[in-house]
Amino acid sequence: MVPQPIWKRWKKKKLQSELENLARKLQAHIEKQVKNESGLKENSLDAKIYKCIKSQAADKNIEYKNGPAY
């Protein structure tokens, strides 16, 4: 196997860094939008689905400790 040229490795690292940065920005934007639109966390669709699944899982002795991220 022939090692990659230095510039390809550099370009790959740069692109990975940009991707991670954009992912962080997207996550922050989504959290901000959800907070502005839904208000209370308990009223969100995610929270309602989580509560339903948690109660069904409890019947089968499965325990969930963390709720939805937003």
N, C-alpha and C. Protein backbone atom coordinates (compact mmCIF):
# COMPACT_ATOMS: atom_id res chain seq x y z
N MET A 1 0.85 -1.18 0.00
CA MET A 1 0.00 0.00 0.00
C MET A 1 0.89 1.24 0.00
N VAL A 2 0.61 2.16 -0.87
CA VAL A 2 1.39 3.39 -1.01
C VAL A 2 0.79 4.46 -0.11
N PRO A 3 1.62 5.10 0.72
CA PRO A 3 1.08 6.15 1.59
C PRO A 3 0.58 7.34 0.78
N GLN A 4 -0.41 8.01 1.33
CA GLN A 4 -0.96 9.19 0.66
C GLN A 4 0.06 10.32 0.67
N PRO A 5 0.05 11.13 -0.37
CA PRO A 5 0.91 12.32 -0.36
C PRO A 5 0.51 13.24 0.79
N ILE A 6 1.46 14.02 1.22
CA ILE A 6 1.24 14.91 2.37
C ILE A 6 0.06 15.85 2.13
N TRP A 7 -0.05 16.40 0.94
CA TRP A 7 -1.12 17.36 0.68
C TRP A 7 -2.50 16.70 0.77
N LYS A 8 -2.61 15.43 0.43
CA LYS A 8 -3.90 14.75 0.55
C LYS A 8 -4.28 14.56 2.02
N ARG A 9 -3.29 14.20 2.82
CA ARG A 9 -3.55 14.03 4.26
C ARG A 9 -3.94 15.37 4.87
N TRP A 10 -3.25 16.43 4.47
CA TRP A 10 -3.55 17.77 4.99
C TRP A 10 -4.95 18.18 4.58
N LYS A 11 -5.30 17.95 3.31
CA LYS A 11 -6.63 18.31 2.82
C LYS A 11 -7.72 17.53 3.55
N LYS A 12 -7.47 16.24 3.79
CA LYS A 12 -8.44 15.42 4.51
C LYS A 12 -8.66 15.94 5.93
N LYS A 13 -7.57 16.28 6.63
CA LYS A 13 -7.70 16.81 7.99
C LYS A 13 -8.44 18.14 7.99
N LYS A 14 -8.15 18.97 7.00
CA LYS A 14 -8.82 20.27 6.91
C LYS A 14 -10.31 20.09 6.69
N LEU A 15 -10.69 19.19 5.78
CA LEU A 15 -12.10 18.94 5.50
C LEU A 15 -12.81 18.34 6.71
N GLN A 16 -12.14 17.44 7.43
CA GLN A 16 -12.73 16.86 8.64
C GLN A 16 -12.97 17.95 9.69
N SER A 17 -12.02 18.85 9.81
CA SER A 17 -12.15 19.95 10.76
C SER A 17 -13.32 20.86 10.39
N GLU A 18 -13.44 21.18 9.11
CA GLU A 18 -14.56 22.01 8.65
C GLU A 18 -15.89 21.32 8.90
N LEU A 19 -15.94 20.02 8.64
CA LEU A 19 -17.16 19.26 8.84
C LEU A 19 -17.57 19.27 10.31
N GLU A 20 -16.62 19.06 11.21
CA GLU A 20 -16.91 19.09 12.64
C GLU A 20 -17.42 20.46 13.07
N ASN A 21 -16.81 21.51 12.55
CA ASN A 21 -17.22 22.88 12.88
C ASN A 21 -18.64 23.14 12.40
N LEU A 22 -18.94 22.74 11.17
CA LEU A 22 -20.29 22.93 10.64
C LEU A 22 -21.32 22.11 11.42
N ALA A 23 -20.95 20.91 11.83
CA ALA A 23 -21.86 20.07 12.62
C ALA A 23 -22.19 20.73 13.96
N ARG A 24 -21.17 21.33 14.59
CA ARG A 24 -21.41 22.04 15.86
C ARG A 24 -22.34 23.23 15.65
N LYS A 25 -22.12 23.98 14.56
CA LYS A 25 -22.97 25.14 14.27
C LYS A 25 -24.40 24.70 13.98
N LEU A 26 -24.56 23.61 13.23
CA LEU A 26 -25.90 23.10 12.94
C LEU A 26 -26.60 22.67 14.21
N GLN A 27 -25.90 21.97 15.08
CA GLN A 27 -26.50 21.52 16.34
C GLN A 27 -26.96 22.72 17.18
N ALA A 28 -26.12 23.75 17.26
CA ALA A 28 -26.49 24.95 18.02
C ALA A 28 -27.71 25.62 17.40
N HIS A 29 -27.75 25.69 16.08
CA HIS A 29 -28.89 26.31 15.39
C HIS A 29 -30.17 25.52 15.65
N ILE A 30 -30.10 24.20 15.56
CA ILE A 30 -31.28 23.37 15.79
C ILE A 30 -31.78 23.55 17.22
N GLU A 31 -30.87 23.54 18.18
CA GLU A 31 -31.27 23.73 19.57
C GLU A 31 -31.94 25.07 19.78
N LYS A 32 -31.41 26.11 19.15
CA LYS A 32 -31.99 27.45 19.27
C LYS A 32 -33.38 27.49 18.66
N GLN A 33 -33.55 26.90 17.48
CA GLN A 33 -34.85 26.89 16.82
C GLN A 33 -35.87 26.12 17.63
N VAL A 34 -35.49 24.97 18.14
CA VAL A 34 -36.41 24.16 18.93
C VAL A 34 -36.82 24.91 20.18
N LYS A 35 -35.87 25.56 20.80
CA LYS A 35 -36.16 26.32 22.02
C LYS A 35 -37.13 27.46 21.73
N ASN A 36 -36.92 28.16 20.61
CA ASN A 36 -37.79 29.28 20.26
C ASN A 36 -39.19 28.83 19.85
N GLU A 37 -39.29 27.71 19.16
CA GLU A 37 -40.58 27.27 18.61
C GLU A 37 -41.42 26.50 19.61
N SER A 38 -40.80 25.60 20.36
CA SER A 38 -41.60 24.71 21.20
C SER A 38 -41.80 25.22 22.61
N GLY A 39 -40.98 26.15 23.04
CA GLY A 39 -41.13 26.64 24.40
C GLY A 39 -40.69 25.59 25.40
N LEU A 40 -41.65 25.00 26.08
CA LEU A 40 -41.33 24.02 27.10
C LEU A 40 -40.91 22.70 26.48
N LYS A 41 -39.90 22.10 27.05
CA LYS A 41 -39.38 20.83 26.57
C LYS A 41 -40.42 19.71 26.70
N GLU A 42 -41.24 19.77 27.71
CA GLU A 42 -42.21 18.71 27.96
C GLU A 42 -43.29 18.65 26.89
N ASN A 43 -43.50 19.73 26.17
CA ASN A 43 -44.55 19.76 25.16
C ASN A 43 -44.07 19.36 23.77
N SER A 44 -42.78 19.08 23.63
CA SER A 44 -42.26 18.74 22.31
C SER A 44 -42.68 17.32 21.92
N LEU A 45 -42.71 17.08 20.63
CA LEU A 45 -43.05 15.75 20.13
C LEU A 45 -42.05 14.71 20.64
N ASP A 46 -40.76 15.07 20.64
CA ASP A 46 -39.73 14.16 21.13
C ASP A 46 -40.01 13.73 22.56
N ALA A 47 -40.37 14.69 23.40
CA ALA A 47 -40.62 14.38 24.81
C ALA A 47 -41.83 13.47 24.96
N LYS A 48 -42.87 13.71 24.17
CA LYS A 48 -44.07 12.88 24.26
C LYS A 48 -43.78 11.45 23.79
N ILE A 49 -43.04 11.31 22.70
CA ILE A 49 -42.67 9.98 22.21
C ILE A 49 -41.79 9.27 23.23
N TYR A 50 -40.84 10.01 23.81
CA TYR A 50 -39.95 9.42 24.82
C TYR A 50 -40.75 8.90 26.01
N LYS A 51 -41.70 9.69 26.49
CA LYS A 51 -42.50 9.25 27.63
C LYS A 51 -43.29 7.98 27.31
N CYS A 52 -43.83 7.92 26.10
CA CYS A 52 -44.59 6.74 25.68
C CYS A 52 -43.70 5.50 25.63
N ILE A 53 -42.53 5.64 25.00
CA ILE A 53 -41.60 4.51 24.89
C ILE A 53 -41.08 4.11 26.26
N LYS A 54 -40.82 5.09 27.11
CA LYS A 54 -40.31 4.80 28.45
C LYS A 54 -41.34 4.00 29.25
N SER A 55 -42.60 4.38 29.15
CA SER A 55 -43.63 3.64 29.90
C SER A 55 -43.81 2.23 29.34
N GLN A 56 -43.73 2.06 28.03
CA GLN A 56 -43.83 0.74 27.44
C GLN A 56 -42.62 -0.12 27.79
N ALA A 57 -41.45 0.49 27.83
CA ALA A 57 -40.23 -0.24 28.16
C ALA A 57 -40.23 -0.68 29.63
N ALA A 58 -40.83 0.14 30.49
CA ALA A 58 -40.88 -0.21 31.91
C ALA A 58 -41.64 -1.52 32.12
N ASP A 59 -42.65 -1.77 31.29
CA ASP A 59 -43.40 -3.03 31.38
C ASP A 59 -42.52 -4.24 31.08
N LYS A 60 -41.45 -4.02 30.34
CA LYS A 60 -40.53 -5.10 29.97
C LYS A 60 -39.21 -5.03 30.75
N ASN A 61 -39.22 -4.29 31.85
CA ASN A 61 -38.06 -4.11 32.74
C ASN A 61 -36.86 -3.48 32.03
N ILE A 62 -37.13 -2.55 31.12
CA ILE A 62 -36.08 -1.77 30.46
C ILE A 62 -36.18 -0.35 31.00
N GLU A 63 -35.05 0.19 31.43
CA GLU A 63 -35.05 1.51 32.05
C GLU A 63 -34.28 2.51 31.19
N TYR A 64 -34.90 3.64 30.91
CA TYR A 64 -34.26 4.75 30.21
C TYR A 64 -34.01 5.85 31.21
N LYS A 65 -32.78 6.39 31.21
CA LYS A 65 -32.44 7.43 32.18
C LYS A 65 -32.36 8.81 31.56
N ASN A 66 -32.04 8.89 30.27
CA ASN A 66 -31.89 10.19 29.62
C ASN A 66 -33.03 10.43 28.65
N GLY A 67 -33.53 11.65 28.66
CA GLY A 67 -34.61 12.00 27.74
C GLY A 67 -34.06 12.54 26.44
N PRO A 68 -34.94 13.08 25.61
CA PRO A 68 -34.51 13.64 24.34
C PRO A 68 -33.59 14.84 24.56
N ALA A 69 -32.73 15.10 23.56
CA ALA A 69 -31.75 16.18 23.69
C ALA A 69 -32.43 17.55 23.72
N TYR A 70 -33.57 17.69 23.04
CA TYR A 70 -34.27 18.98 23.08
C TYR A 70 -35.73 18.79 23.16
